Amino acid sequence: MRTAATAFALLLPCAAYAQGQCDVPHTIADGETLFSIADQYYGDLNKWSVIYYGNQNVLPTALLELPVGVTVTIPCLPGQSPADPTPLQSADAELTILTGSNYAPFSDRDWMGQGMVTELFNAAMEATPEPVSYAISWEDDWSQHLFPMLDSGSQFDMGFPWLRPNCDENRDDERCVNFHFSDPLVEILVLLFTRTDAPVAFEDDADLHGRTICRPEGYFTHDLDRADRRWLSDNLVRLVQADSPEGCFAALMEGSVDAVTVNEFLGWTKIHELGLKGQVQPEQRPVSIEGLHVVISKKHWRGTTHLYRFNAGLAALRETERYNEIVTRHLGTFWEQLN
């Protein structure tokens, strides 16, 4: 019969081996807790909630007794890499893919799994009807991606993640003219951030008429001016374009604008970084819901074939639990880091 000390000693080699691994399955054994699993893989039992948020679809709300035999996925922390790359990624690949960093949690080499959209892209490529090998290249100067790196269709086959303008209303937009867009990998909320001591009611578009809002220079504005919302064309809303997100929030705090409008992740990140928690709040109604897409040049001789292949894989992925697991894990880790 094993003593408690003997049993503990037998666990040590396994824990030492597991520590540092991530994006790997772990089957819950009798007596294990989220604390012990976090300690095994992260060397820090306080990171138990990362595993919880990434596996809410299979874990009960009562966490004192974990379901023995259930398999969870160990999320990657920032700076960690998955234990094994997707088998389709290869240096000698049929397709070349372009993305960049500094867009966490969506695309960033230092984020777990290199970003939520990166993981979704990899999973969708695995689910395509006829999987092909591919290689992902990273260029952190996003201004070079569409033109010239992707536009020719010869240097790279695809790029991600990109917002799609309203091509139905703006057919002459250079992105609409030059690129195919995949179905959205994920959709993000663009919110209105206001001061808690000077909230702005936003239940209807007319509530912003006469207001001044800030969005950083270089960011899209198609959601502020469309057929059913002519805020800019009819001078119903004044738009200030600061040189950075920080500039917009500074203008908000000094009272020169009524609100800042950016995606929820960027907004909450800046609230955290600038120490504005409790001073700035998001309004519940979104300004818009924007998709993040794969883009393929219309000049690419096999562009429509690649588009069909990817969309088919993405549709198949959405029918599985894997899609929800990837999104939940990344969002859970994002909120955990902020908190």
Foldseek 3Di string as FASTA:
>chain_A
DDDPVRVVVVCVVQLVVQALAFQDKDFDAPPDALLVVCCSHDVGSVCSLLQCLLPVVQFDPPRPGTDGGDMGGGWDAFQGEHPDPQPQEDPPWPFEEEEEAPDPQAAHPRGINRHLVNVLLSQLLVQFPDRTHYHYDYDHPVVVPCPPQFQQCPNGFKYWWDWDAPCVFCVPPPQNVWKDWADFSDKFFWWKKFFPVQDQDPPDLLSQFPFEEEEAPPDDCRLCDDPVHHCPVVVRYHYDHHNDPLRRVVCRVVVVGGIYIGTPLVVLVCCLVVVVVVGMDTDPDTSDMIGTTMIGTPNNPCNVVVSVRSNNSSVVVVVDCVSVSSVSSRVSSSVVVSD
